[in-house]
């Protein structure tokens, strides 16, 4: 399981529905992050929404600002 507390703005994620998303803000509760979907399923527009830890399949890349 992914430790949501380690996620930072700019991290790229793969979600269970197949969408790619970028972390916008970490709610720092260990369960939720705010994400911007990068490849919404057929909608053609980006959305910003809350994403639960269970919906994250894997971290694709970490933001450049992390040490």
C-alpha atoms as a PDB file:
ATOM      1  CA  UNK A   1       0.000   0.000   0.000  1.00  0.00           C
ATOM      2  CA  UNK A   2       1.157   3.536  -0.746  1.00  0.00           C
ATOM      3  CA  UNK A   3       1.926   5.801   2.201  1.00  0.00           C
ATOM      4  CA  UNK A   4      -0.180   8.826   1.295  1.00  0.00           C
ATOM      5  CA  UNK A   5       1.682  10.966   3.843  1.00  0.00           C
ATOM      6  CA  UNK A   6       4.779  10.698   1.598  1.00  0.00           C
ATOM      7  CA  UNK A   7       3.004  12.206  -1.432  1.00  0.00           C
ATOM      8  CA  UNK A   8       3.862  15.805  -2.348  1.00  0.00           C
ATOM      9  CA  UNK A   9       2.506  18.299  -4.892  1.00  0.00           C
ATOM     10  CA  UNK A  10       3.760  17.404  -8.352  1.00  0.00           C
ATOM     11  CA  UNK A  11       3.900  13.645  -7.788  1.00  0.00           C
ATOM     12  CA  UNK A  12       2.317  11.725 -10.677  1.00  0.00           C
ATOM     13  CA  UNK A  13      -0.059   8.853  -9.869  1.00  0.00           C
ATOM     14  CA  UNK A  14      -1.881   6.074 -11.668  1.00  0.00           C
ATOM     15  CA  UNK A  15      -5.428   5.658 -10.351  1.00  0.00           C
ATOM     16  CA  UNK A  16      -7.576   2.521 -10.290  1.00  0.00           C
ATOM     17  CA  UNK A  17      -9.865   3.832 -13.056  1.00  0.00           C
ATOM     18  CA  UNK A  18      -6.834   4.134 -15.364  1.00  0.00           C
ATOM     19  CA  UNK A  19      -6.515   7.911 -15.077  1.00  0.00           C
ATOM     20  CA  UNK A  20      -3.187   9.631 -14.564  1.00  0.00           C
ATOM     21  CA  UNK A  21      -3.189  12.321 -11.894  1.00  0.00           C
ATOM     22  CA  UNK A  22      -0.879  14.895 -10.349  1.00  0.00           C
ATOM     23  CA  UNK A  23      -0.959  15.647  -6.625  1.00  0.00           C
ATOM     24  CA  UNK A  24      -2.057  19.238  -6.006  1.00  0.00           C
ATOM     25  CA  UNK A  25      -2.229  19.141  -2.200  1.00  0.00           C
ATOM     26  CA  UNK A  26      -1.755  16.549   0.509  1.00  0.00           C
ATOM     27  CA  UNK A  27      -4.459  16.749   3.183  1.00  0.00           C
ATOM     28  CA  UNK A  28      -1.909  15.162   5.574  1.00  0.00           C
ATOM     29  CA  UNK A  29      -4.523  12.871   7.126  1.00  0.00           C
ATOM     30  CA  UNK A  30      -3.051   9.715   5.621  1.00  0.00           C
ATOM     31  CA  UNK A  31      -6.144   9.042   3.518  1.00  0.00           C
ATOM     32  CA  UNK A  32      -6.802  11.872   1.038  1.00  0.00           C
ATOM     33  CA  UNK A  33      -4.886  13.929  -1.515  1.00  0.00           C
ATOM     34  CA  UNK A  34      -6.205  16.538  -3.893  1.00  0.00           C
ATOM     35  CA  UNK A  35      -5.307  15.619  -7.467  1.00  0.00           C
ATOM     36  CA  UNK A  36      -5.575  17.064 -10.964  1.00  0.00           C
ATOM     37  CA  UNK A  37      -6.451  14.349 -13.450  1.00  0.00           C
ATOM     38  CA  UNK A  38      -4.112  14.435 -16.434  1.00  0.00           C
ATOM     39  CA  UNK A  39      -5.911  11.950 -18.651  1.00  0.00           C
ATOM     40  CA  UNK A  40      -9.575  11.924 -17.706  1.00  0.00           C
ATOM     41  CA  UNK A  41     -11.483   9.042 -19.240  1.00  0.00           C
ATOM     42  CA  UNK A  42     -12.924  10.551 -22.408  1.00  0.00           C
ATOM     43  CA  UNK A  43     -13.916  13.908 -20.915  1.00  0.00           C
ATOM     44  CA  UNK A  44     -11.218  15.980 -22.607  1.00  0.00           C
ATOM     45  CA  UNK A  45     -10.850  18.360 -19.662  1.00  0.00           C
ATOM     46  CA  UNK A  46      -8.789  18.275 -16.498  1.00  0.00           C
ATOM     47  CA  UNK A  47     -10.523  18.021 -13.151  1.00  0.00           C
ATOM     48  CA  UNK A  48      -9.351  18.686  -9.600  1.00  0.00           C
ATOM     49  CA  UNK A  49     -10.813  16.422  -6.955  1.00  0.00           C
ATOM     50  CA  UNK A  50     -10.073  14.542  -3.759  1.00  0.00           C
ATOM     51  CA  UNK A  51      -8.589  11.087  -4.189  1.00  0.00           C
ATOM     52  CA  UNK A  52      -8.675   8.395  -1.498  1.00  0.00           C
ATOM     53  CA  UNK A  53      -5.604   6.263  -0.783  1.00  0.00           C
ATOM     54  CA  UNK A  54      -7.468   3.138  -1.969  1.00  0.00           C
ATOM     55  CA  UNK A  55      -7.835   4.656  -5.455  1.00  0.00           C
ATOM     56  CA  UNK A  56      -4.072   5.018  -6.011  1.00  0.00           C
ATOM     57  CA  UNK A  57      -2.484   2.100  -7.880  1.00  0.00           C
ATOM     58  CA  UNK A  58       1.091   3.402  -7.940  1.00  0.00           C
ATOM     59  CA  UNK A  59       3.335   6.445  -7.904  1.00  0.00           C
ATOM     60  CA  UNK A  60       4.668   7.017 -11.430  1.00  0.00           C
ATOM     61  CA  UNK A  61       7.120   9.804 -10.600  1.00  0.00           C
ATOM     62  CA  UNK A  62       8.085  12.079  -7.751  1.00  0.00           C
ATOM     63  CA  UNK A  63       8.166  15.845  -8.008  1.00  0.00           C
ATOM     64  CA  UNK A  64      11.564  17.429  -8.657  1.00  0.00           C
ATOM     65  CA  UNK A  65      11.468  19.419  -5.397  1.00  0.00           C
ATOM     66  CA  UNK A  66      11.687  16.340  -3.160  1.00  0.00           C
ATOM     67  CA  UNK A  67      14.983  15.467  -1.537  1.00  0.00           C
END
